[in-house]
Amino acid sequence: MKKTDYYKICEQKLKYLNYSDRTADCYLSYINQFLNRIEVPPTRLGSQDFQSYLDSYKFTSVSQQNQVINAIRFLYKFGLNKKYDKVSFKRPKSEKKLPKVVDGDFIKTQLSKIENIKHRAILTLWWIYKIWILKNTLLKFNIYFII
């Protein structure tokens, strides 16, 4: 079989398994890149070939890395009809993002820009309530240095 045949098999399986169009396009793009870069016939692919491809790939984000791994896994499982258990792909750690902190002065300026008195009153009460809950929660856990 040609490499394009495996691409078509994956395309049909993605439609049959009712994957979303965006997921199917993404997977097919990564499968196509993978099939074009390998030099071995797809039937002779081993876990080392997959791992060396992943090691040489320049990922821009953790989610892209997971998409590439899932696309190659899909090719391996459905395109080549091989058991997925033999190949273990190492998943990246998820990104830990810090929460965004809003400054009190920023809130005051944004609230002062609201012209409708009812809207301003509702949002002001909402912010006061949030601050009150936060303060009581911190006091409950004896965290005084933040307040």
N, C-alpha and C. Protein backbone atom coordinates (compact mmCIF):
# COMPACT_ATOMS: atom_id res chain seq x y z
N MET A 1 0.83 -1.19 0.00
CA MET A 1 0.00 0.00 0.00
C MET A 1 0.87 1.25 0.00
N LYS A 2 0.35 2.28 -0.63
CA LYS A 2 1.07 3.55 -0.67
C LYS A 2 0.75 4.36 0.57
N LYS A 3 1.57 5.37 0.80
CA LYS A 3 1.36 6.25 1.95
C LYS A 3 0.03 6.99 1.83
N THR A 4 -0.36 7.33 0.60
CA THR A 4 -1.62 8.04 0.40
C THR A 4 -2.81 7.16 0.76
N ASP A 5 -2.65 5.84 0.62
CA ASP A 5 -3.73 4.92 0.99
C ASP A 5 -3.99 4.96 2.50
N TYR A 6 -2.91 5.04 3.28
CA TYR A 6 -3.07 5.12 4.73
C TYR A 6 -3.74 6.43 5.13
N TYR A 7 -3.39 7.48 4.40
CA TYR A 7 -4.02 8.79 4.64
C TYR A 7 -5.53 8.69 4.38
N LYS A 8 -5.91 8.07 3.27
CA LYS A 8 -7.33 7.92 2.92
C LYS A 8 -8.06 7.02 3.92
N ILE A 9 -7.39 5.98 4.40
CA ILE A 9 -8.00 5.10 5.41
C ILE A 9 -8.29 5.89 6.68
N CYS A 10 -7.32 6.69 7.09
CA CYS A 10 -7.51 7.51 8.30
C CYS A 10 -8.63 8.52 8.09
N GLU A 11 -8.69 9.09 6.89
CA GLU A 11 -9.75 10.06 6.60
C GLU A 11 -11.13 9.41 6.69
N GLN A 12 -11.26 8.20 6.15
CA GLN A 12 -12.53 7.49 6.20
C GLN A 12 -12.90 7.09 7.63
N LYS A 13 -11.90 6.64 8.40
CA LYS A 13 -12.15 6.25 9.78
C LYS A 13 -12.57 7.44 10.63
N LEU A 14 -11.95 8.59 10.39
CA LEU A 14 -12.32 9.79 11.15
C LEU A 14 -13.77 10.18 10.88
N LYS A 15 -14.19 10.05 9.63
CA LYS A 15 -15.60 10.34 9.29
C LYS A 15 -16.52 9.28 9.88
N TYR A 16 -16.12 8.03 9.81
CA TYR A 16 -16.94 6.93 10.31
C TYR A 16 -17.11 7.03 11.83
N LEU A 17 -16.05 7.39 12.53
CA LEU A 17 -16.10 7.50 13.99
C LEU A 17 -16.67 8.84 14.46
N ASN A 18 -17.10 9.66 13.50
CA ASN A 18 -17.80 10.92 13.78
C ASN A 18 -16.94 11.92 14.57
N TYR A 19 -15.68 12.02 14.19
CA TYR A 19 -14.83 13.06 14.75
C TYR A 19 -15.26 14.41 14.17
N SER A 20 -15.05 15.47 14.91
CA SER A 20 -15.42 16.79 14.40
C SER A 20 -14.53 17.15 13.21
N ASP A 21 -15.03 18.05 12.38
CA ASP A 21 -14.28 18.44 11.18
C ASP A 21 -12.93 19.05 11.53
N ARG A 22 -12.91 19.87 12.56
CA ARG A 22 -11.65 20.52 12.94
C ARG A 22 -10.64 19.50 13.47
N THR A 23 -11.11 18.55 14.25
CA THR A 23 -10.21 17.50 14.76
C THR A 23 -9.71 16.65 13.61
N ALA A 24 -10.59 16.30 12.69
CA ALA A 24 -10.20 15.48 11.54
C ALA A 24 -9.16 16.22 10.69
N ASP A 25 -9.38 17.50 10.42
CA ASP A 25 -8.41 18.29 9.64
C ASP A 25 -7.07 18.35 10.33
N CYS A 26 -7.10 18.56 11.64
CA CYS A 26 -5.86 18.64 12.42
C CYS A 26 -5.11 17.30 12.37
N TYR A 27 -5.82 16.21 12.65
CA TYR A 27 -5.19 14.89 12.64
C TYR A 27 -4.64 14.56 11.26
N LEU A 28 -5.42 14.82 10.21
CA LEU A 28 -4.97 14.49 8.86
C LEU A 28 -3.75 15.30 8.46
N SER A 29 -3.69 16.55 8.91
CA SER A 29 -2.52 17.38 8.63
C SER A 29 -1.27 16.78 9.27
N TYR A 30 -1.38 16.40 10.54
CA TYR A 30 -0.22 15.83 11.24
C TYR A 30 0.12 14.44 10.70
N ILE A 31 -0.88 13.65 10.33
CA ILE A 31 -0.62 12.33 9.74
C ILE A 31 0.09 12.49 8.40
N ASN A 32 -0.34 13.45 7.60
CA ASN A 32 0.29 13.71 6.31
C ASN A 32 1.75 14.13 6.49
N GLN A 33 2.01 15.02 7.45
CA GLN A 33 3.39 15.43 7.73
C GLN A 33 4.23 14.24 8.16
N PHE A 34 3.67 13.40 9.00
CA PHE A 34 4.40 12.23 9.49
C PHE A 34 4.71 11.26 8.35
N LEU A 35 3.70 10.98 7.52
CA LEU A 35 3.91 10.04 6.41
C LEU A 35 4.92 10.57 5.40
N ASN A 36 4.97 11.88 5.21
CA ASN A 36 5.93 12.47 4.27
C ASN A 36 7.36 12.46 4.81
N ARG A 37 7.51 12.48 6.14
CA ARG A 37 8.85 12.55 6.71
C ARG A 37 9.50 11.20 6.95
N ILE A 38 8.69 10.15 7.04
CA ILE A 38 9.29 8.83 7.32
C ILE A 38 9.86 8.25 6.03
N GLU A 39 10.91 7.44 6.19
CA GLU A 39 11.54 6.83 5.03
C GLU A 39 11.21 5.34 4.93
N VAL A 40 10.72 4.78 6.03
CA VAL A 40 10.37 3.36 6.09
C VAL A 40 8.93 3.19 5.62
N PRO A 41 8.60 2.10 4.96
CA PRO A 41 7.18 1.86 4.63
C PRO A 41 6.34 1.83 5.91
N PRO A 42 5.13 2.37 5.86
CA PRO A 42 4.32 2.47 7.09
C PRO A 42 4.05 1.13 7.78
N THR A 43 4.01 0.04 7.03
CA THR A 43 3.75 -1.26 7.65
C THR A 43 4.92 -1.73 8.51
N ARG A 44 6.10 -1.20 8.27
CA ARG A 44 7.29 -1.61 9.03
C ARG A 44 7.65 -0.63 10.14
N LEU A 45 6.77 0.28 10.42
CA LEU A 45 7.05 1.26 11.47
C LEU A 45 7.07 0.61 12.84
N GLY A 46 8.00 1.04 13.64
CA GLY A 46 8.10 0.57 15.01
C GLY A 46 7.97 1.73 15.98
N SER A 47 7.99 1.41 17.24
CA SER A 47 7.84 2.46 18.25
C SER A 47 9.03 3.43 18.22
N GLN A 48 10.22 2.94 17.80
CA GLN A 48 11.38 3.83 17.71
C GLN A 48 11.18 4.90 16.64
N ASP A 49 10.53 4.54 15.54
CA ASP A 49 10.28 5.51 14.47
C ASP A 49 9.34 6.61 14.95
N PHE A 50 8.32 6.21 15.68
CA PHE A 50 7.38 7.20 16.21
C PHE A 50 8.07 8.11 17.21
N GLN A 51 8.86 7.49 18.09
CA GLN A 51 9.52 8.28 19.13
C GLN A 51 10.57 9.21 18.54
N SER A 52 11.31 8.77 17.54
CA SER A 52 12.32 9.64 16.92
C SER A 52 11.65 10.79 16.18
N TYR A 53 10.49 10.53 15.58
CA TYR A 53 9.75 11.62 14.92
C TYR A 53 9.29 12.65 15.95
N LEU A 54 8.76 12.17 17.07
CA LEU A 54 8.30 13.09 18.11
C LEU A 54 9.46 13.86 18.73
N ASP A 55 10.61 13.21 18.86
CA ASP A 55 11.78 13.89 19.44
C ASP A 55 12.31 14.98 18.52
N SER A 56 12.19 14.79 17.21
CA SER A 56 12.73 15.77 16.27
C SER A 56 11.72 16.87 15.93
N TYR A 57 10.47 16.70 16.32
CA TYR A 57 9.41 17.67 15.98
C TYR A 57 9.54 18.91 16.88
N LYS A 58 9.38 20.08 16.31
CA LYS A 58 9.45 21.33 17.06
C LYS A 58 8.03 21.74 17.46
N PHE A 59 7.68 21.51 18.72
CA PHE A 59 6.34 21.82 19.21
C PHE A 59 6.28 23.27 19.65
N THR A 60 5.14 23.90 19.40
CA THR A 60 4.95 25.28 19.83
C THR A 60 4.22 25.36 21.17
N SER A 61 3.47 24.30 21.53
CA SER A 61 2.76 24.30 22.80
C SER A 61 2.49 22.87 23.25
N VAL A 62 2.05 22.75 24.48
CA VAL A 62 1.73 21.44 25.03
C VAL A 62 0.52 20.84 24.30
N SER A 63 -0.46 21.68 23.98
CA SER A 63 -1.66 21.17 23.30
C SER A 63 -1.31 20.67 21.89
N GLN A 64 -0.37 21.35 21.22
CA GLN A 64 0.04 20.87 19.90
C GLN A 64 0.74 19.53 20.03
N GLN A 65 1.55 19.38 21.06
CA GLN A 65 2.24 18.12 21.27
C GLN A 65 1.24 16.99 21.48
N ASN A 66 0.19 17.24 22.26
CA ASN A 66 -0.84 16.23 22.46
C ASN A 66 -1.59 15.93 21.18
N GLN A 67 -1.83 16.94 20.34
CA GLN A 67 -2.52 16.72 19.07
C GLN A 67 -1.68 15.84 18.15
N VAL A 68 -0.38 16.10 18.09
CA VAL A 68 0.49 15.29 17.24
C VAL A 68 0.53 13.85 17.74
N ILE A 69 0.62 13.67 19.04
CA ILE A 69 0.66 12.32 19.60
C ILE A 69 -0.66 11.60 19.31
N ASN A 70 -1.78 12.30 19.47
CA ASN A 70 -3.08 11.68 19.20
C ASN A 70 -3.24 11.33 17.73
N ALA A 71 -2.75 12.18 16.84
CA ALA A 71 -2.85 11.91 15.40
C ALA A 71 -2.02 10.68 15.03
N ILE A 72 -0.81 10.60 15.55
CA ILE A 72 0.05 9.45 15.24
C ILE A 72 -0.54 8.18 15.86
N ARG A 73 -1.09 8.32 17.06
CA ARG A 73 -1.75 7.18 17.70
C ARG A 73 -2.94 6.70 16.87
N PHE A 74 -3.68 7.65 16.29
CA PHE A 74 -4.82 7.29 15.45
C PHE A 74 -4.34 6.54 14.21
N LEU A 75 -3.28 7.03 13.59
CA LEU A 75 -2.71 6.35 12.42
C LEU A 75 -2.27 4.94 12.79
N TYR A 76 -1.60 4.81 13.92
CA TYR A 76 -1.09 3.52 14.36
C TYR A 76 -2.22 2.54 14.63
N LYS A 77 -3.28 3.03 15.30
CA LYS A 77 -4.36 2.15 15.73
C LYS A 77 -5.34 1.83 14.60
N PHE A 78 -5.75 2.85 13.83
CA PHE A 78 -6.79 2.65 12.83
C PHE A 78 -6.24 2.54 11.41
N GLY A 79 -5.18 3.28 11.09
CA GLY A 79 -4.64 3.23 9.74
C GLY A 79 -3.81 1.99 9.49
N LEU A 80 -3.00 1.63 10.48
CA LEU A 80 -2.12 0.47 10.34
C LEU A 80 -2.69 -0.78 10.99
N ASN A 81 -3.79 -0.65 11.72
CA ASN A 81 -4.44 -1.76 12.43
C ASN A 81 -3.49 -2.51 13.35
N LYS A 82 -2.70 -1.75 14.10
CA LYS A 82 -1.78 -2.36 15.06
C LYS A 82 -2.28 -2.04 16.46
N LYS A 83 -1.88 -2.86 17.41
CA LYS A 83 -2.29 -2.61 18.79
C LYS A 83 -1.51 -1.42 19.34
N TYR A 84 -2.23 -0.57 20.00
CA TYR A 84 -1.63 0.65 20.54
C TYR A 84 -0.80 0.36 21.78
N ASP A 85 -1.02 -0.77 22.43
CA ASP A 85 -0.35 -1.09 23.69
C ASP A 85 1.17 -1.21 23.53
N LYS A 86 1.62 -1.58 22.33
CA LYS A 86 3.05 -1.79 22.13
C LYS A 86 3.84 -0.49 22.09
N VAL A 87 3.17 0.61 21.77
CA VAL A 87 3.85 1.89 21.67
C VAL A 87 3.39 2.77 22.82
N SER A 88 4.35 3.29 23.56
CA SER A 88 4.00 4.19 24.66
C SER A 88 4.54 5.58 24.34
N PHE A 89 3.63 6.53 24.25
CA PHE A 89 4.02 7.90 23.99
C PHE A 89 4.03 8.65 25.31
N LYS A 90 5.09 9.35 25.57
CA LYS A 90 5.17 10.14 26.79
C LYS A 90 4.39 11.43 26.59
N ARG A 91 3.44 11.68 27.47
CA ARG A 91 2.62 12.88 27.39
C ARG A 91 3.33 14.01 28.14
N PRO A 92 3.21 15.23 27.63
CA PRO A 92 3.83 16.36 28.32
C PRO A 92 3.04 16.74 29.57
N LYS A 93 3.73 17.39 30.49
CA LYS A 93 3.04 17.91 31.66
C LYS A 93 2.17 19.07 31.24
N SER A 94 1.05 19.22 31.91
CA SER A 94 0.16 20.33 31.56
C SER A 94 0.76 21.65 32.04
N GLU A 95 0.43 22.70 31.33
CA GLU A 95 0.95 24.01 31.67
C GLU A 95 0.26 24.52 32.93
N LYS A 96 1.04 25.08 33.81
CA LYS A 96 0.49 25.69 35.02
C LYS A 96 0.55 27.20 34.84
N LYS A 97 -0.63 27.78 34.73
CA LYS A 97 -0.69 29.22 34.53
C LYS A 97 -1.08 29.89 35.84
N LEU A 98 -0.46 31.02 36.10
CA LEU A 98 -0.80 31.78 37.29
C LEU A 98 -2.12 32.52 37.07
N PRO A 99 -2.90 32.67 38.13
CA PRO A 99 -4.16 33.40 37.98
C PRO A 99 -3.90 34.89 37.74
N LYS A 100 -4.83 35.51 37.04
CA LYS A 100 -4.71 36.94 36.79
C LYS A 100 -5.26 37.68 38.00
N VAL A 101 -4.47 38.62 38.50
CA VAL A 101 -4.86 39.39 39.68
C VAL A 101 -5.32 40.77 39.21
N VAL A 102 -6.48 41.18 39.70
CA VAL A 102 -7.04 42.47 39.33
C VAL A 102 -6.73 43.46 40.44
N ASP A 103 -6.21 44.60 40.07
CA ASP A 103 -5.85 45.65 41.01
C ASP A 103 -7.11 46.40 41.46
N GLY A 104 -7.14 46.81 42.72
CA GLY A 104 -8.29 47.53 43.25
C GLY A 104 -8.53 48.86 42.54
N ASP A 105 -7.46 49.57 42.19
CA ASP A 105 -7.61 50.84 41.47
C ASP A 105 -8.21 50.62 40.09
N PHE A 106 -7.84 49.54 39.45
CA PHE A 106 -8.41 49.22 38.15
C PHE A 106 -9.92 49.01 38.25
N ILE A 107 -10.34 48.29 39.30
CA ILE A 107 -11.77 48.04 39.50
C ILE A 107 -12.50 49.36 39.73
N LYS A 108 -11.92 50.24 40.55
CA LYS A 108 -12.56 51.53 40.82
C LYS A 108 -12.71 52.36 39.56
N THR A 109 -11.67 52.38 38.72
CA THR A 109 -11.76 53.18 37.49
C THR A 109 -12.79 52.58 36.53
N GLN A 110 -12.83 51.26 36.46
CA GLN A 110 -13.80 50.63 35.57
C GLN A 110 -15.24 50.86 36.05
N LEU A 111 -15.45 50.79 37.37
CA LEU A 111 -16.78 51.02 37.91
C LEU A 111 -17.20 52.48 37.74
N SER A 112 -16.25 53.39 37.83
CA SER A 112 -16.59 54.81 37.68
C SER A 112 -16.95 55.16 36.24
N LYS A 113 -16.53 54.36 35.29
CA LYS A 113 -16.85 54.60 33.88
C LYS A 113 -18.29 54.22 33.53
N ILE A 114 -18.92 53.42 34.37
CA ILE A 114 -20.29 52.99 34.10
C ILE A 114 -21.23 54.15 34.36
N GLU A 115 -22.01 54.51 33.36
CA GLU A 115 -22.91 55.67 33.48
C GLU A 115 -24.24 55.31 34.12
N ASN A 116 -24.75 54.14 33.86
CA ASN A 116 -26.03 53.73 34.41
C ASN A 116 -25.87 53.46 35.91
N ILE A 117 -26.64 54.17 36.73
CA ILE A 117 -26.50 54.09 38.18
C ILE A 117 -26.87 52.69 38.69
N LYS A 118 -27.91 52.10 38.13
CA LYS A 118 -28.33 50.76 38.57
C LYS A 118 -27.25 49.72 38.28
N HIS A 119 -26.68 49.79 37.10
CA HIS A 119 -25.62 48.85 36.73
C HIS A 119 -24.41 49.03 37.63
N ARG A 120 -24.04 50.28 37.87
CA ARG A 120 -22.90 50.56 38.73
C ARG A 120 -23.15 50.04 40.14
N ALA A 121 -24.37 50.21 40.64
CA ALA A 121 -24.70 49.74 41.99
C ALA A 121 -24.63 48.22 42.07
N ILE A 122 -25.17 47.56 41.07
CA ILE A 122 -25.15 46.09 41.06
C ILE A 122 -23.72 45.57 41.03
N LEU A 123 -22.89 46.11 40.15
CA LEU A 123 -21.51 45.63 40.04
C LEU A 123 -20.68 45.99 41.28
N THR A 124 -20.94 47.15 41.86
CA THR A 124 -20.22 47.54 43.07
C THR A 124 -20.57 46.58 44.21
N LEU A 125 -21.85 46.29 44.39
CA LEU A 125 -22.26 45.34 45.43
C LEU A 125 -21.68 43.96 45.18
N TRP A 126 -21.63 43.57 43.90
CA TRP A 126 -21.07 42.26 43.56
C TRP A 126 -19.59 42.20 43.96
N TRP A 127 -18.81 43.24 43.65
CA TRP A 127 -17.39 43.26 44.01
C TRP A 127 -17.20 43.29 45.52
N ILE A 128 -18.04 44.05 46.22
CA ILE A 128 -17.94 44.10 47.68
C ILE A 128 -18.21 42.71 48.26
N TYR A 129 -19.21 42.04 47.73
CA TYR A 129 -19.55 40.70 48.19
C TYR A 129 -18.40 39.73 47.94
N LYS A 130 -17.79 39.79 46.75
CA LYS A 130 -16.64 38.91 46.45
C LYS A 130 -15.48 39.16 47.40
N ILE A 131 -15.21 40.43 47.67
CA ILE A 131 -14.10 40.77 48.57
C ILE A 131 -14.42 40.29 49.99
N TRP A 132 -15.68 40.43 50.41
CA TRP A 132 -16.09 40.00 51.74
C TRP A 132 -15.92 38.49 51.88
N ILE A 133 -16.32 37.73 50.84
CA ILE A 133 -16.17 36.27 50.88
C ILE A 133 -14.70 35.89 50.93
N LEU A 134 -13.88 36.54 50.12
CA LEU A 134 -12.45 36.25 50.11
C LEU A 134 -11.83 36.53 51.46
N LYS A 135 -12.18 37.66 52.05
CA LYS A 135 -11.61 38.04 53.35
C LYS A 135 -12.00 37.02 54.41
N ASN A 136 -13.28 36.61 54.45
CA ASN A 136 -13.72 35.63 55.44
C ASN A 136 -13.08 34.27 55.21
N THR A 137 -12.86 33.91 53.97
CA THR A 137 -12.20 32.65 53.67
C THR A 137 -10.76 32.67 54.15
N LEU A 138 -10.07 33.77 53.91
CA LEU A 138 -8.68 33.87 54.35
C LEU A 138 -8.57 33.89 55.86
N LEU A 139 -9.52 34.57 56.51
CA LEU A 139 -9.50 34.59 57.97
C LEU A 139 -9.79 33.21 58.55
N LYS A 140 -10.62 32.44 57.88
CA LYS A 140 -10.96 31.09 58.33
C LYS A 140 -9.71 30.23 58.33
N PHE A 141 -8.83 30.41 57.34
CA PHE A 141 -7.60 29.64 57.24
C PHE A 141 -6.42 30.32 57.89
N ASN A 142 -6.67 31.37 58.66
CA ASN A 142 -5.63 32.11 59.38
C ASN A 142 -4.54 32.67 58.45
N ILE A 143 -4.95 33.21 57.34
CA ILE A 143 -4.00 33.82 56.43
C ILE A 143 -4.19 35.33 56.55
N TYR A 144 -3.43 35.94 57.45
CA TYR A 144 -3.61 37.36 57.74
C TYR A 144 -2.71 38.26 56.90
N PHE A 145 -1.59 37.72 56.44
CA PHE A 145 -0.60 38.59 55.78
C PHE A 145 -1.06 39.10 54.42
N ILE A 146 -2.02 38.47 53.79
CA ILE A 146 -2.51 38.92 52.48
C ILE A 146 -3.44 40.10 52.64
N ILE A 147 -4.26 40.09 53.66
CA ILE A 147 -5.25 41.14 53.87
C ILE A 147 -4.56 42.35 54.29
